């Protein structure tokens, strides 16, 4: 594996890199991972990445619902 494959893997080089996008939008871990997995699913792990994105989205919804309950 080359350094380029580690630093700029093919599945993240479809425009703006995911970490640049999520950082520029002040996203946290959960919402950043939703974007990451949805962005790469066609180029890396297909349906598996969509299930991962769903898992992070479900957790994000749970956290946001709890914030509303705690108010």
Foldseek 3Di string as FASTA:
>chain_A
DDPCCVVPNPLQPPPHGLVVVCVVVVHDDLQSLLCVLVSRQVPPPPPVSNVVSVVSVVVVVVVVVVVVVVD
